[in-house]
C-alpha atoms as a PDB file:
ATOM      1  CA  MET A   1      41.491  -8.965  42.487  1.00  0.00           C
ATOM      2  CA  SER A   2      43.206  -7.606  45.172  1.00  0.00           C
ATOM      3  CA  ARG A   3      42.956  -3.690  45.174  1.00  0.00           C
ATOM      4  CA  ILE A   4      45.568  -1.622  47.313  1.00  0.00           C
ATOM      5  CA  ILE A   5      46.448   2.147  47.696  1.00  0.00           C
ATOM      6  CA  ARG A   6      50.182   2.601  48.532  1.00  0.00           C
ATOM      7  CA  GLU A   7      52.692   5.313  48.733  1.00  0.00           C
ATOM      8  CA  ALA A   8      54.416   5.528  45.294  1.00  0.00           C
ATOM      9  CA  ARG A   9      58.323   5.012  45.334  1.00  0.00           C
ATOM     10  CA  PRO A  10      60.483   5.855  43.734  1.00  0.00           C
ATOM     11  CA  THR A  11      61.122   2.460  41.929  1.00  0.00           C
ATOM     12  CA  ASP A  12      57.354   3.015  40.485  1.00  0.00           C
ATOM     13  CA  VAL A  13      58.365   5.811  38.723  1.00  0.00           C
ATOM     14  CA  ALA A  14      58.062   4.748  35.275  1.00  0.00           C
ATOM     15  CA  ASP A  15      54.968   2.433  36.106  1.00  0.00           C
ATOM     16  CA  ILE A  16      53.546   5.345  36.491  1.00  0.00           C
ATOM     17  CA  MET A  17      54.323   7.727  33.686  1.00  0.00           C
ATOM     18  CA  GLN A  18      52.961   4.870  31.920  1.00  0.00           C
ATOM     19  CA  VAL A  19      49.312   5.172  33.505  1.00  0.00           C
ATOM     20  CA  MET A  20      50.175   8.873  32.924  1.00  0.00           C
ATOM     21  CA  ASP A  21      50.212   8.559  29.514  1.00  0.00           C
ATOM     22  CA  ALA A  22      47.177   6.396  29.393  1.00  0.00           C
ATOM     23  CA  ALA A  23      45.327   8.371  30.514  1.00  0.00           C
ATOM     24  CA  LYS A  24      45.755  11.522  28.800  1.00  0.00           C
ATOM     25  CA  LYS A  25      44.589   8.779  26.313  1.00  0.00           C
ATOM     26  CA  ILE A  26      41.714   8.610  27.413  1.00  0.00           C
ATOM     27  CA  MET A  27      41.292  12.651  27.933  1.00  0.00           C
ATOM     28  CA  ARG A  28      42.468  13.043  24.548  1.00  0.00           C
ATOM     29  CA  GLN A  29      39.938  10.339  23.245  1.00  0.00           C
ATOM     30  CA  SER A  30      37.343  11.928  25.384  1.00  0.00           C
ATOM     31  CA  GLY A  31      37.067  15.355  23.697  1.00  0.00           C
ATOM     32  CA  ASN A  32      39.702  16.690  26.605  1.00  0.00           C
ATOM     33  CA  MET A  33      42.230  18.051  24.239  1.00  0.00           C
ATOM     34  CA  HIS A  34      44.652  20.933  26.149  1.00  0.00           C
ATOM     35  CA  GLN A  35      45.135  19.566  29.423  1.00  0.00           C
ATOM     36  CA  TRP A  36      47.881  17.425  30.864  1.00  0.00           C
ATOM     37  CA  SER A  37      50.352  18.858  27.982  1.00  0.00           C
ATOM     38  CA  ASP A  38      53.844  20.145  27.082  1.00  0.00           C
ATOM     39  CA  GLY A  39      55.004  17.508  29.115  1.00  0.00           C
ATOM     40  CA  TYR A  40      52.658  17.548  32.606  1.00  0.00           C
ATOM     41  CA  PRO A  41      52.960  15.581  34.577  1.00  0.00           C
ATOM     42  CA  SER A  42      56.355  14.857  34.846  1.00  0.00           C
ATOM     43  CA  GLU A  43      58.510  12.893  36.537  1.00  0.00           C
ATOM     44  CA  ALA A  44      59.664  15.839  38.518  1.00  0.00           C
ATOM     45  CA  ALA A  45      56.506  16.345  39.553  1.00  0.00           C
ATOM     46  CA  ILE A  46      55.491  12.675  40.851  1.00  0.00           C
ATOM     47  CA  GLU A  47      58.839  12.863  42.836  1.00  0.00           C
ATOM     48  CA  ALA A  48      58.073  16.523  44.541  1.00  0.00           C
ATOM     49  CA  ASP A  49      54.636  14.607  45.207  1.00  0.00           C
ATOM     50  CA  MET A  50      56.423  11.507  46.831  1.00  0.00           C
ATOM     51  CA  GLU A  51      58.981  14.032  48.778  1.00  0.00           C
ATOM     52  CA  ARG A  52      55.504  15.113  50.445  1.00  0.00           C
ATOM     53  CA  ASN A  53      54.781  11.696  50.914  1.00  0.00           C
ATOM     54  CA  GLY A  54      51.572  12.823  49.000  1.00  0.00           C
ATOM     55  CA  GLY A  55      51.939  10.414  45.521  1.00  0.00           C
ATOM     56  CA  PHE A  56      50.331   7.562  45.918  1.00  0.00           C
ATOM     57  CA  VAL A  57      49.554   4.200  43.780  1.00  0.00           C
ATOM     58  CA  ILE A  58      46.387   2.421  43.565  1.00  0.00           C
ATOM     59  CA  GLU A  59      47.873  -1.889  43.261  1.00  0.00           C
ATOM     60  CA  ASP A  60      45.654  -4.111  41.458  1.00  0.00           C
ATOM     61  CA  ASP A  61      46.851  -8.239  41.855  1.00  0.00           C
ATOM     62  CA  GLY A  62      50.490  -5.884  42.514  1.00  0.00           C
ATOM     63  CA  LYS A  63      50.381  -3.858  39.458  1.00  0.00           C
ATOM     64  CA  VAL A  64      50.178  -0.785  39.270  1.00  0.00           C
ATOM     65  CA  VAL A  65      47.250   0.488  37.427  1.00  0.00           C
ATOM     66  CA  GLY A  66      46.136   4.524  38.978  1.00  0.00           C
ATOM     67  CA  TYR A  67      47.974   7.322  40.186  1.00  0.00           C
ATOM     68  CA  PHE A  68      46.886   9.835  42.341  1.00  0.00           C
ATOM     69  CA  ALA A  69      48.497  12.743  44.733  1.00  0.00           C
ATOM     70  CA  PHE A  70      47.178  13.272  47.906  1.00  0.00           C
ATOM     71  CA  LEU A  71      49.020  16.164  49.522  1.00  0.00           C
ATOM     72  CA  GLN A  72      47.886  18.130  52.510  1.00  0.00           C
ATOM     73  CA  SER A  73      47.016  21.513  52.742  1.00  0.00           C
ATOM     74  CA  PRO A  74      47.284  24.714  52.163  1.00  0.00           C
ATOM     75  CA  GLU A  75      47.401  24.011  48.164  1.00  0.00           C
ATOM     76  CA  PRO A  76      49.094  28.040  46.354  1.00  0.00           C
ATOM     77  CA  THR A  77      46.938  27.931  43.674  1.00  0.00           C
ATOM     78  CA  TYR A  78      43.224  27.867  46.226  1.00  0.00           C
ATOM     79  CA  ALA A  79      44.498  31.137  48.067  1.00  0.00           C
ATOM     80  CA  LYS A  80      42.102  32.767  45.809  1.00  0.00           C
ATOM     81  CA  ILE A  81      39.096  31.622  43.797  1.00  0.00           C
ATOM     82  CA  TYR A  82      37.018  33.806  41.672  1.00  0.00           C
ATOM     83  CA  ASP A  83      33.230  33.383  40.758  1.00  0.00           C
ATOM     84  CA  GLY A  84      32.466  31.458  44.323  1.00  0.00           C
ATOM     85  CA  GLU A  85      34.104  30.691  47.228  1.00  0.00           C
ATOM     86  CA  TRP A  86      34.905  27.389  49.505  1.00  0.00           C
ATOM     87  CA  LEU A  87      32.431  25.832  51.737  1.00  0.00           C
ATOM     88  CA  ASP A  88      34.305  26.023  54.221  1.00  0.00           C
ATOM     89  CA  ASP A  89      37.876  28.922  53.843  1.00  0.00           C
ATOM     90  CA  ASN A  90      39.344  28.920  57.355  1.00  0.00           C
ATOM     91  CA  GLN A  91      39.884  24.994  58.120  1.00  0.00           C
ATOM     92  CA  PRO A  92      42.350  22.516  57.037  1.00  0.00           C
ATOM     93  CA  TYR A  93      42.224  20.498  54.167  1.00  0.00           C
ATOM     94  CA  HIS A  94      43.706  17.877  51.424  1.00  0.00           C
ATOM     95  CA  VAL A  95      43.766  18.222  47.920  1.00  0.00           C
ATOM     96  CA  VAL A  96      43.562  15.894  45.971  1.00  0.00           C
ATOM     97  CA  HIS A  97      45.936  16.213  42.110  1.00  0.00           C
ATOM     98  CA  ARG A  98      47.263  14.119  38.947  1.00  0.00           C
ATOM     99  CA  ILE A  99      44.146  11.515  39.497  1.00  0.00           C
ATOM    100  CA  ALA A 100      45.295   8.964  36.549  1.00  0.00           C
ATOM    101  CA  SER A 101      44.511   5.393  35.550  1.00  0.00           C
ATOM    102  CA  TYR A 102      44.471   2.605  33.111  1.00  0.00           C
ATOM    103  CA  PRO A 103      40.647   2.853  30.775  1.00  0.00           C
ATOM    104  CA  ASP A 104      39.702  -1.073  32.008  1.00  0.00           C
ATOM    105  CA  ASN A 105      40.628  -0.510  35.408  1.00  0.00           C
ATOM    106  CA  HIS A 106      37.103   0.802  36.855  1.00  0.00           C
ATOM    107  CA  GLY A 107      36.339   1.965  39.904  1.00  0.00           C
ATOM    108  CA  ILE A 108      39.692   4.146  40.462  1.00  0.00           C
ATOM    109  CA  PHE A 109      37.960   7.023  41.480  1.00  0.00           C
ATOM    110  CA  SER A 110      35.923   5.691  44.072  1.00  0.00           C
ATOM    111  CA  SER A 111      39.002   3.728  45.332  1.00  0.00           C
ATOM    112  CA  ILE A 112      40.911   6.907  45.768  1.00  0.00           C
ATOM    113  CA  MET A 113      38.214   8.849  46.745  1.00  0.00           C
ATOM    114  CA  ASP A 114      37.284   5.986  50.346  1.00  0.00           C
ATOM    115  CA  PHE A 115      40.819   6.237  51.236  1.00  0.00           C
ATOM    116  CA  CYS A 116      41.006  10.065  51.343  1.00  0.00           C
ATOM    117  CA  PHE A 117      38.304  10.617  53.629  1.00  0.00           C
ATOM    118  CA  SER A 118      39.324   8.097  55.799  1.00  0.00           C
ATOM    119  CA  HIS A 119      42.112  10.215  56.239  1.00  0.00           C
ATOM    120  CA  ASP A 120      40.509  13.604  56.238  1.00  0.00           C
ATOM    121  CA  THR A 121      36.722  14.943  56.007  1.00  0.00           C
ATOM    122  CA  ASN A 122      37.838  17.855  54.258  1.00  0.00           C
ATOM    123  CA  ILE A 123      38.493  17.678  50.272  1.00  0.00           C
ATOM    124  CA  ARG A 124      39.259  19.973  47.549  1.00  0.00           C
ATOM    125  CA  ILE A 125      40.174  18.667  44.236  1.00  0.00           C
ATOM    126  CA  ASP A 126      40.083  20.951  40.841  1.00  0.00           C
ATOM    127  CA  THR A 127      39.910  19.737  37.226  1.00  0.00           C
ATOM    128  CA  HIS A 128      39.555  21.369  33.551  1.00  0.00           C
ATOM    129  CA  ARG A 129      37.114  22.891  32.348  1.00  0.00           C
ATOM    130  CA  ASP A 130      36.548  19.823  29.398  1.00  0.00           C
ATOM    131  CA  ASN A 131      37.064  17.081  31.640  1.00  0.00           C
ATOM    132  CA  LYS A 132      33.659  16.174  31.827  1.00  0.00           C
ATOM    133  CA  ILE A 133      34.583  12.342  33.122  1.00  0.00           C
ATOM    134  CA  MET A 134      36.466  14.338  36.339  1.00  0.00           C
ATOM    135  CA  GLN A 135      32.800  16.511  36.395  1.00  0.00           C
ATOM    136  CA  HIS A 136      31.417  13.521  36.719  1.00  0.00           C
ATOM    137  CA  ASN A 137      32.976  11.363  39.802  1.00  0.00           C
ATOM    138  CA  ILE A 138      33.563  14.909  41.541  1.00  0.00           C
ATOM    139  CA  LEU A 139      30.016  15.861  41.327  1.00  0.00           C
ATOM    140  CA  LYS A 140      28.600  11.944  41.731  1.00  0.00           C
ATOM    141  CA  HIS A 141      31.058  11.747  44.899  1.00  0.00           C
ATOM    142  CA  GLY A 142      29.623  14.032  46.694  1.00  0.00           C
ATOM    143  CA  PHE A 143      31.625  16.918  45.714  1.00  0.00           C
ATOM    144  CA  THR A 144      29.975  20.858  45.695  1.00  0.00           C
ATOM    145  CA  TYR A 145      31.316  23.395  42.703  1.00  0.00           C
ATOM    146  CA  CYS A 146      32.791  26.010  44.105  1.00  0.00           C
ATOM    147  CA  GLY A 147      33.863  28.241  41.481  1.00  0.00           C
ATOM    148  CA  ILE A 148      37.333  29.247  39.903  1.00  0.00           C
ATOM    149  CA  ILE A 149      40.705  29.170  40.121  1.00  0.00           C
ATOM    150  CA  TYR A 150      44.340  29.759  38.619  1.00  0.00           C
ATOM    151  CA  LEU A 151      47.232  27.232  38.293  1.00  0.00           C
ATOM    152  CA  LEU A 152      50.073  29.568  38.217  1.00  0.00           C
ATOM    153  CA  SER A 153      50.812  28.972  34.569  1.00  0.00           C
ATOM    154  CA  GLY A 154      47.531  30.993  35.015  1.00  0.00           C
ATOM    155  CA  ASP A 155      44.743  28.119  33.356  1.00  0.00           C
ATOM    156  CA  GLU A 156      41.651  28.206  34.507  1.00  0.00           C
ATOM    157  CA  ARG A 157      40.580  25.529  36.812  1.00  0.00           C
ATOM    158  CA  LEU A 158      36.721  24.605  37.794  1.00  0.00           C
ATOM    159  CA  ALA A 159      37.157  23.733  41.640  1.00  0.00           C
ATOM    160  CA  TYR A 160      35.512  21.737  44.117  1.00  0.00           C
ATOM    161  CA  GLN A 161      35.232  20.954  47.829  1.00  0.00           C
ATOM    162  CA  LYS A 162      33.477  18.390  49.926  1.00  0.00           C
ATOM    163  CA  ILE A 163      33.579  18.418  53.479  1.00  0.00           C
END
C-alpha cells in the first residue's frame, strides 16, 4: 500500500464528503450521536480549509481514504479554556480539525500525526465528549488533556495539546 498526504484540491470535495459520511457512521455506531450533525462538516467548511491551505487528504494507492484540516493558530475558540489550561499559551501552534477516514483504512490517525508533527511541534486538538475513539487516539499519541473549550455554536469540546 502506498499512502500519501497532500493538500486537498477542489476536485477532491466529492470524495472528501464520502469520507465524512463514513466517519459519521463510525461515530453513530460507537455511541457518538451528536457530533457532526446538521450537515456538518459541510462542503463550505472543507472549502474554507482549502482556502487557508489547511485541507489535506490521505490517499492509499491513489484513492482518497481520509481527510483532516491542519490550520495555523490562532484558533478563536481556543482563546478561553475552562477547567484547566494549555501546556503553553504563548507560542504559535497548529490545530487539527475534521479528522475522518473509512473504517477499513487503519493507521490514518498515526499518519496524520506524523505529518503534523513533521511541520510543527506544538499541536492542539479537540473532540466531542462522546467521541471515545478520538479521545483514545489523542491520548495514545501523547497529547495531554488541558480542559474544555466552547465552539462558536456554544457546544463543549475536550481540548488537548502536545508539545
